Amino acid sequence: MKTPPVVELTLPVLPDMELAATNTAEVVAKHMGLDEEKSAEISMALIEACINAFEHSESDKQIEIHFKIKHDQLEIQVTDKGKGFDKSKVKIPKIEEKIKSDYKRGWGLKLIQELMDTVEFESSAEGTTVTMTKNK
């Protein structure tokens, strides 16, 4: 059996660098024959994962993104070398409170889980990896 192709990106922590990731995601999705809706969902989830890595890892290093193209699925891993986090302590905001608030952030993890078919988080003091999949 042939080894599935892997696309690897290393992005510095710079403003708008998540857009380089979404451009790559769009090319990969097109290569796989994914429709526009799935491609858009992948891009939105990837933007959230990148922004979370940039903002919360407290690392000024880069993040790594691996796109693994499988027969019927795309797996994306976003890895940072930051401080890590405890997912059980992340509170999903209440919609009623967010609507009234000027601070609209805080939806990233929930949004990623809604947009992708599976999402797993591995985190330690050495960094965090978010593994997301989208089925064909």
N, C-alpha and C. Protein backbone atom coordinates (compact mmCIF):
# COMPACT_ATOMS: atom_id res chain seq x y z
N MET A 1 0.84 -1.19 0.00
CA MET A 1 0.00 0.00 0.00
C MET A 1 0.88 1.25 0.00
N LYS A 2 0.48 2.21 -0.77
CA LYS A 2 1.23 3.46 -0.91
C LYS A 2 1.08 4.32 0.35
N THR A 3 2.16 4.96 0.77
CA THR A 3 2.11 5.87 1.91
C THR A 3 1.35 7.13 1.50
N PRO A 4 0.36 7.54 2.31
CA PRO A 4 -0.40 8.75 1.95
C PRO A 4 0.50 9.98 1.96
N PRO A 5 0.24 10.94 1.05
CA PRO A 5 1.06 12.16 1.02
C PRO A 5 0.87 12.99 2.29
N VAL A 6 1.95 13.66 2.68
CA VAL A 6 1.92 14.56 3.83
C VAL A 6 2.45 15.92 3.36
N VAL A 7 1.72 16.98 3.72
CA VAL A 7 2.17 18.34 3.45
C VAL A 7 2.52 18.95 4.80
N GLU A 8 3.72 19.51 4.92
CA GLU A 8 4.17 20.06 6.20
C GLU A 8 4.45 21.55 6.05
N LEU A 9 3.96 22.31 7.02
CA LEU A 9 4.20 23.76 7.05
C LEU A 9 4.81 24.11 8.40
N THR A 10 5.74 25.02 8.40
CA THR A 10 6.26 25.60 9.63
C THR A 10 6.03 27.10 9.52
N LEU A 11 5.22 27.62 10.44
CA LEU A 11 4.85 29.04 10.38
C LEU A 11 5.40 29.80 11.57
N PRO A 12 6.01 30.96 11.32
CA PRO A 12 6.43 31.80 12.44
C PRO A 12 5.20 32.46 13.07
N VAL A 13 5.34 32.85 14.32
CA VAL A 13 4.25 33.55 15.00
C VAL A 13 4.28 35.00 14.56
N LEU A 14 3.55 35.28 13.48
CA LEU A 14 3.44 36.62 12.92
C LEU A 14 1.98 36.90 12.59
N PRO A 15 1.57 38.18 12.59
CA PRO A 15 0.18 38.51 12.27
C PRO A 15 -0.24 37.94 10.91
N ASP A 16 -1.45 37.41 10.86
CA ASP A 16 -2.09 36.89 9.64
C ASP A 16 -1.41 35.66 9.05
N MET A 17 -0.46 35.05 9.75
CA MET A 17 0.24 33.89 9.20
C MET A 17 -0.69 32.68 9.07
N GLU A 18 -1.81 32.69 9.81
CA GLU A 18 -2.78 31.60 9.68
C GLU A 18 -3.36 31.53 8.26
N LEU A 19 -3.29 32.65 7.54
CA LEU A 19 -3.80 32.66 6.16
C LEU A 19 -2.95 31.79 5.24
N ALA A 20 -1.65 31.67 5.52
CA ALA A 20 -0.80 30.77 4.74
C ALA A 20 -1.26 29.33 4.94
N ALA A 21 -1.67 29.02 6.16
CA ALA A 21 -2.18 27.67 6.47
C ALA A 21 -3.47 27.39 5.71
N THR A 22 -4.37 28.38 5.67
CA THR A 22 -5.65 28.15 4.99
C THR A 22 -5.46 28.04 3.48
N ASN A 23 -4.51 28.79 2.91
CA ASN A 23 -4.23 28.65 1.48
C ASN A 23 -3.79 27.22 1.17
N THR A 24 -2.93 26.67 2.02
CA THR A 24 -2.47 25.29 1.84
C THR A 24 -3.64 24.32 2.01
N ALA A 25 -4.47 24.56 3.01
CA ALA A 25 -5.63 23.68 3.24
C ALA A 25 -6.55 23.65 2.03
N GLU A 26 -6.75 24.80 1.41
CA GLU A 26 -7.62 24.86 0.23
C GLU A 26 -7.05 24.05 -0.93
N VAL A 27 -5.74 24.12 -1.13
CA VAL A 27 -5.10 23.35 -2.20
C VAL A 27 -5.22 21.85 -1.91
N VAL A 28 -4.98 21.46 -0.66
CA VAL A 28 -5.07 20.05 -0.28
C VAL A 28 -6.51 19.55 -0.44
N ALA A 29 -7.49 20.34 0.01
CA ALA A 29 -8.90 19.94 -0.12
C ALA A 29 -9.29 19.77 -1.58
N LYS A 30 -8.81 20.67 -2.43
CA LYS A 30 -9.11 20.58 -3.86
C LYS A 30 -8.48 19.31 -4.45
N HIS A 31 -7.24 19.03 -4.07
CA HIS A 31 -6.54 17.82 -4.51
C HIS A 31 -7.34 16.56 -4.14
N MET A 32 -7.97 16.59 -2.97
CA MET A 32 -8.73 15.44 -2.49
C MET A 32 -10.14 15.37 -3.09
N GLY A 33 -10.55 16.43 -3.78
CA GLY A 33 -11.89 16.45 -4.35
C GLY A 33 -12.98 16.80 -3.35
N LEU A 34 -12.60 17.50 -2.25
CA LEU A 34 -13.59 17.91 -1.25
C LEU A 34 -14.39 19.10 -1.81
N ASP A 35 -15.68 19.16 -1.44
CA ASP A 35 -16.51 20.25 -1.94
C ASP A 35 -16.18 21.56 -1.21
N GLU A 36 -16.74 22.65 -1.72
CA GLU A 36 -16.42 23.99 -1.18
C GLU A 36 -16.82 24.13 0.28
N GLU A 37 -17.96 23.54 0.66
CA GLU A 37 -18.42 23.64 2.05
C GLU A 37 -17.42 22.97 3.00
N LYS A 38 -16.98 21.77 2.66
CA LYS A 38 -16.01 21.08 3.52
C LYS A 38 -14.68 21.83 3.55
N SER A 39 -14.28 22.37 2.41
CA SER A 39 -13.04 23.14 2.34
C SER A 39 -13.13 24.38 3.24
N ALA A 40 -14.27 25.05 3.22
CA ALA A 40 -14.47 26.25 4.06
C ALA A 40 -14.47 25.87 5.55
N GLU A 41 -15.09 24.72 5.89
CA GLU A 41 -15.10 24.27 7.29
C GLU A 41 -13.68 23.97 7.77
N ILE A 42 -12.90 23.32 6.92
CA ILE A 42 -11.51 23.02 7.26
C ILE A 42 -10.74 24.33 7.49
N SER A 43 -10.91 25.29 6.58
CA SER A 43 -10.19 26.57 6.71
C SER A 43 -10.56 27.29 8.00
N MET A 44 -11.86 27.33 8.34
CA MET A 44 -12.28 28.01 9.57
C MET A 44 -11.70 27.32 10.81
N ALA A 45 -11.75 26.00 10.84
CA ALA A 45 -11.20 25.26 11.99
C ALA A 45 -9.70 25.48 12.10
N LEU A 46 -9.02 25.49 10.96
CA LEU A 46 -7.57 25.68 10.95
C LEU A 46 -7.19 27.08 11.42
N ILE A 47 -7.94 28.09 10.99
CA ILE A 47 -7.69 29.46 11.47
C ILE A 47 -7.79 29.51 12.99
N GLU A 48 -8.85 28.91 13.55
CA GLU A 48 -9.03 28.90 15.01
C GLU A 48 -7.87 28.18 15.70
N ALA A 49 -7.47 27.02 15.17
CA ALA A 49 -6.38 26.26 15.78
C ALA A 49 -5.07 27.05 15.74
N CYS A 50 -4.80 27.72 14.62
CA CYS A 50 -3.58 28.53 14.51
C CYS A 50 -3.61 29.73 15.46
N ILE A 51 -4.73 30.43 15.49
CA ILE A 51 -4.84 31.60 16.37
C ILE A 51 -4.69 31.18 17.83
N ASN A 52 -5.31 30.06 18.21
CA ASN A 52 -5.15 29.54 19.57
C ASN A 52 -3.67 29.27 19.87
N ALA A 53 -2.99 28.63 18.93
CA ALA A 53 -1.57 28.33 19.14
C ALA A 53 -0.76 29.61 19.26
N PHE A 54 -1.04 30.60 18.39
CA PHE A 54 -0.31 31.86 18.44
C PHE A 54 -0.57 32.60 19.76
N GLU A 55 -1.85 32.67 20.17
CA GLU A 55 -2.23 33.50 21.32
C GLU A 55 -1.96 32.84 22.66
N HIS A 56 -2.23 31.54 22.78
CA HIS A 56 -2.25 30.92 24.09
C HIS A 56 -1.01 30.11 24.44
N SER A 57 -0.19 29.79 23.45
CA SER A 57 0.97 28.95 23.76
C SER A 57 2.04 29.73 24.52
N GLU A 58 1.97 31.07 24.43
CA GLU A 58 2.97 31.95 25.04
C GLU A 58 4.37 31.58 24.57
N SER A 59 4.43 31.16 23.31
CA SER A 59 5.71 30.83 22.70
C SER A 59 5.93 31.78 21.54
N ASP A 60 7.14 32.28 21.40
CA ASP A 60 7.42 33.15 20.26
C ASP A 60 8.05 32.34 19.13
N LYS A 61 8.05 31.04 19.30
CA LYS A 61 8.59 30.18 18.26
C LYS A 61 7.53 29.95 17.20
N GLN A 62 7.74 28.98 16.36
CA GLN A 62 6.79 28.73 15.29
C GLN A 62 5.81 27.61 15.66
N ILE A 63 4.81 27.45 14.80
CA ILE A 63 3.92 26.31 14.92
C ILE A 63 4.15 25.43 13.69
N GLU A 64 3.85 24.15 13.85
CA GLU A 64 3.98 23.21 12.75
C GLU A 64 2.61 22.66 12.41
N ILE A 65 2.36 22.53 11.11
CA ILE A 65 1.09 21.99 10.64
C ILE A 65 1.38 20.85 9.67
N HIS A 66 0.77 19.71 9.92
CA HIS A 66 0.92 18.55 9.05
C HIS A 66 -0.44 18.18 8.49
N PHE A 67 -0.53 18.14 7.18
CA PHE A 67 -1.74 17.70 6.49
C PHE A 67 -1.46 16.28 6.00
N LYS A 68 -2.20 15.29 6.51
CA LYS A 68 -2.03 13.90 6.08
C LYS A 68 -3.23 13.52 5.22
N ILE A 69 -2.94 13.28 3.95
CA ILE A 69 -4.00 12.98 2.99
C ILE A 69 -4.19 11.47 2.94
N LYS A 70 -5.32 11.02 3.46
CA LYS A 70 -5.64 9.60 3.44
C LYS A 70 -6.72 9.37 2.38
N HIS A 71 -7.01 8.12 2.09
CA HIS A 71 -7.95 7.78 1.02
C HIS A 71 -9.28 8.53 1.15
N ASP A 72 -9.90 8.46 2.31
CA ASP A 72 -11.24 9.04 2.48
C ASP A 72 -11.28 10.10 3.58
N GLN A 73 -10.12 10.62 3.95
CA GLN A 73 -10.06 11.52 5.10
C GLN A 73 -8.83 12.42 5.03
N LEU A 74 -8.99 13.64 5.54
CA LEU A 74 -7.86 14.55 5.71
C LEU A 74 -7.61 14.71 7.20
N GLU A 75 -6.38 14.46 7.62
CA GLU A 75 -5.99 14.67 9.02
C GLU A 75 -5.05 15.86 9.07
N ILE A 76 -5.34 16.79 9.97
CA ILE A 76 -4.50 17.98 10.14
C ILE A 76 -4.04 18.03 11.59
N GLN A 77 -2.74 18.18 11.78
CA GLN A 77 -2.18 18.35 13.12
C GLN A 77 -1.54 19.73 13.21
N VAL A 78 -1.92 20.47 14.24
CA VAL A 78 -1.33 21.78 14.52
C VAL A 78 -0.60 21.65 15.85
N THR A 79 0.72 21.90 15.83
CA THR A 79 1.55 21.70 17.02
C THR A 79 2.29 22.98 17.36
N ASP A 80 2.25 23.34 18.65
CA ASP A 80 3.06 24.46 19.13
C ASP A 80 3.99 23.95 20.22
N LYS A 81 4.99 24.72 20.53
CA LYS A 81 5.97 24.36 21.58
C LYS A 81 5.76 25.24 22.81
N GLY A 82 4.50 25.54 23.10
CA GLY A 82 4.19 26.45 24.20
C GLY A 82 4.03 25.75 25.53
N LYS A 83 3.30 26.42 26.41
CA LYS A 83 3.18 25.98 27.80
C LYS A 83 2.14 24.90 28.01
N GLY A 84 1.31 24.62 27.01
CA GLY A 84 0.28 23.60 27.16
C GLY A 84 -0.93 24.15 27.91
N PHE A 85 -2.00 23.33 27.96
CA PHE A 85 -3.20 23.74 28.67
C PHE A 85 -3.98 22.52 29.12
N ASP A 86 -4.87 22.72 30.08
CA ASP A 86 -5.73 21.65 30.59
C ASP A 86 -7.11 21.88 30.00
N LYS A 87 -7.49 21.02 29.05
CA LYS A 87 -8.76 21.20 28.35
C LYS A 87 -9.95 21.20 29.32
N SER A 88 -9.85 20.46 30.40
CA SER A 88 -10.97 20.40 31.35
C SER A 88 -11.21 21.74 32.04
N LYS A 89 -10.21 22.63 32.01
CA LYS A 89 -10.36 23.94 32.65
C LYS A 89 -10.81 25.03 31.67
N VAL A 90 -10.94 24.66 30.40
CA VAL A 90 -11.39 25.63 29.39
C VAL A 90 -12.91 25.69 29.43
N LYS A 91 -13.43 26.87 29.74
CA LYS A 91 -14.88 27.04 29.83
C LYS A 91 -15.41 27.49 28.47
N ILE A 92 -16.44 26.79 28.00
CA ILE A 92 -17.11 27.22 26.77
C ILE A 92 -18.05 28.35 27.18
N PRO A 93 -17.94 29.51 26.52
CA PRO A 93 -18.75 30.65 26.94
C PRO A 93 -20.25 30.43 26.71
N LYS A 94 -21.04 31.12 27.51
CA LYS A 94 -22.50 31.08 27.34
C LYS A 94 -22.87 32.10 26.26
N ILE A 95 -23.67 31.68 25.31
CA ILE A 95 -24.01 32.52 24.16
C ILE A 95 -24.68 33.83 24.60
N GLU A 96 -25.54 33.76 25.61
CA GLU A 96 -26.25 34.96 26.06
C GLU A 96 -25.28 36.02 26.57
N GLU A 97 -24.25 35.56 27.30
CA GLU A 97 -23.27 36.50 27.85
C GLU A 97 -22.37 37.07 26.75
N LYS A 98 -22.00 36.25 25.77
CA LYS A 98 -21.12 36.70 24.69
C LYS A 98 -21.79 37.73 23.79
N ILE A 99 -23.09 37.57 23.56
CA ILE A 99 -23.83 38.50 22.70
C ILE A 99 -23.76 39.91 23.27
N LYS A 100 -23.86 40.03 24.59
CA LYS A 100 -23.83 41.33 25.26
C LYS A 100 -22.41 41.87 25.45
N SER A 101 -21.43 41.00 25.37
CA SER A 101 -20.04 41.38 25.66
C SER A 101 -19.35 41.98 24.43
N ASP A 102 -18.37 42.84 24.69
CA ASP A 102 -17.54 43.37 23.60
C ASP A 102 -16.46 42.36 23.21
N TYR A 103 -16.16 41.43 24.12
CA TYR A 103 -15.13 40.42 23.88
C TYR A 103 -15.78 39.17 23.32
N LYS A 104 -15.62 38.96 22.01
CA LYS A 104 -16.30 37.85 21.32
C LYS A 104 -15.44 36.60 21.20
N ARG A 105 -14.20 36.63 21.68
CA ARG A 105 -13.31 35.46 21.56
C ARG A 105 -13.72 34.39 22.58
N GLY A 106 -13.09 33.23 22.49
CA GLY A 106 -13.34 32.18 23.46
C GLY A 106 -14.13 31.01 22.90
N TRP A 107 -14.44 31.06 21.61
CA TRP A 107 -15.23 30.00 20.97
C TRP A 107 -14.39 29.00 20.22
N GLY A 108 -13.08 29.20 20.16
CA GLY A 108 -12.21 28.42 19.28
C GLY A 108 -12.36 26.92 19.37
N LEU A 109 -12.23 26.37 20.60
CA LEU A 109 -12.30 24.91 20.75
C LEU A 109 -13.66 24.37 20.34
N LYS A 110 -14.72 25.04 20.75
CA LYS A 110 -16.08 24.61 20.41
C LYS A 110 -16.28 24.67 18.89
N LEU A 111 -15.83 25.75 18.28
CA LEU A 111 -15.99 25.92 16.84
C LEU A 111 -15.24 24.84 16.07
N ILE A 112 -14.01 24.56 16.47
CA ILE A 112 -13.22 23.51 15.82
C ILE A 112 -13.97 22.17 15.89
N GLN A 113 -14.53 21.87 17.08
CA GLN A 113 -15.24 20.60 17.26
C GLN A 113 -16.51 20.53 16.41
N GLU A 114 -17.16 21.67 16.21
CA GLU A 114 -18.38 21.69 15.39
C GLU A 114 -18.06 21.54 13.90
N LEU A 115 -16.93 22.09 13.46
CA LEU A 115 -16.59 22.12 12.04
C LEU A 115 -15.94 20.84 11.53
N MET A 116 -15.24 20.12 12.40
CA MET A 116 -14.49 18.95 11.96
C MET A 116 -15.19 17.66 12.42
N ASP A 117 -14.83 16.54 11.79
CA ASP A 117 -15.46 15.26 12.14
C ASP A 117 -14.92 14.69 13.44
N THR A 118 -13.61 14.78 13.66
CA THR A 118 -13.04 14.40 14.96
C THR A 118 -11.99 15.44 15.34
N VAL A 119 -11.84 15.64 16.66
CA VAL A 119 -10.83 16.57 17.17
C VAL A 119 -10.25 15.97 18.45
N GLU A 120 -8.93 15.92 18.52
CA GLU A 120 -8.25 15.45 19.73
C GLU A 120 -7.20 16.47 20.13
N PHE A 121 -7.06 16.66 21.45
CA PHE A 121 -6.07 17.59 21.99
C PHE A 121 -5.08 16.80 22.83
N GLU A 122 -3.80 17.01 22.58
CA GLU A 122 -2.74 16.46 23.44
C GLU A 122 -1.92 17.65 23.91
N SER A 123 -1.79 17.79 25.22
CA SER A 123 -1.10 18.97 25.73
C SER A 123 -0.25 18.62 26.93
N SER A 124 0.93 19.23 26.98
CA SER A 124 1.84 19.06 28.11
C SER A 124 2.62 20.36 28.25
N ALA A 125 3.53 20.38 29.20
CA ALA A 125 4.36 21.57 29.41
C ALA A 125 5.28 21.85 28.21
N GLU A 126 5.42 20.86 27.32
CA GLU A 126 6.28 21.02 26.15
C GLU A 126 5.53 21.53 24.93
N GLY A 127 4.20 21.60 25.02
CA GLY A 127 3.43 22.10 23.88
C GLY A 127 2.10 21.39 23.71
N THR A 128 1.40 21.77 22.66
CA THR A 128 0.06 21.25 22.39
C THR A 128 -0.03 20.81 20.94
N THR A 129 -0.71 19.68 20.72
CA THR A 129 -1.02 19.24 19.36
C THR A 129 -2.53 19.06 19.27
N VAL A 130 -3.12 19.70 18.28
CA VAL A 130 -4.54 19.53 17.96
C VAL A 130 -4.58 18.68 16.69
N THR A 131 -5.26 17.54 16.76
CA THR A 131 -5.41 16.66 15.60
C THR A 131 -6.88 16.69 15.18
N MET A 132 -7.11 17.13 13.95
CA MET A 132 -8.48 17.29 13.42
C MET A 132 -8.61 16.44 12.17
N THR A 133 -9.78 15.83 11.98
CA THR A 133 -10.01 15.10 10.73
C THR A 133 -11.29 15.58 10.08
N LYS A 134 -11.30 15.48 8.76
CA LYS A 134 -12.49 15.77 7.96
C LYS A 134 -12.64 14.61 6.99
N ASN A 135 -13.80 13.97 7.03
CA ASN A 135 -14.08 12.85 6.12
C ASN A 135 -14.50 13.37 4.77
N LYS A 136 -14.19 12.59 3.73
CA LYS A 136 -14.54 12.95 2.35
C LYS A 136 -16.00 12.94 2.10
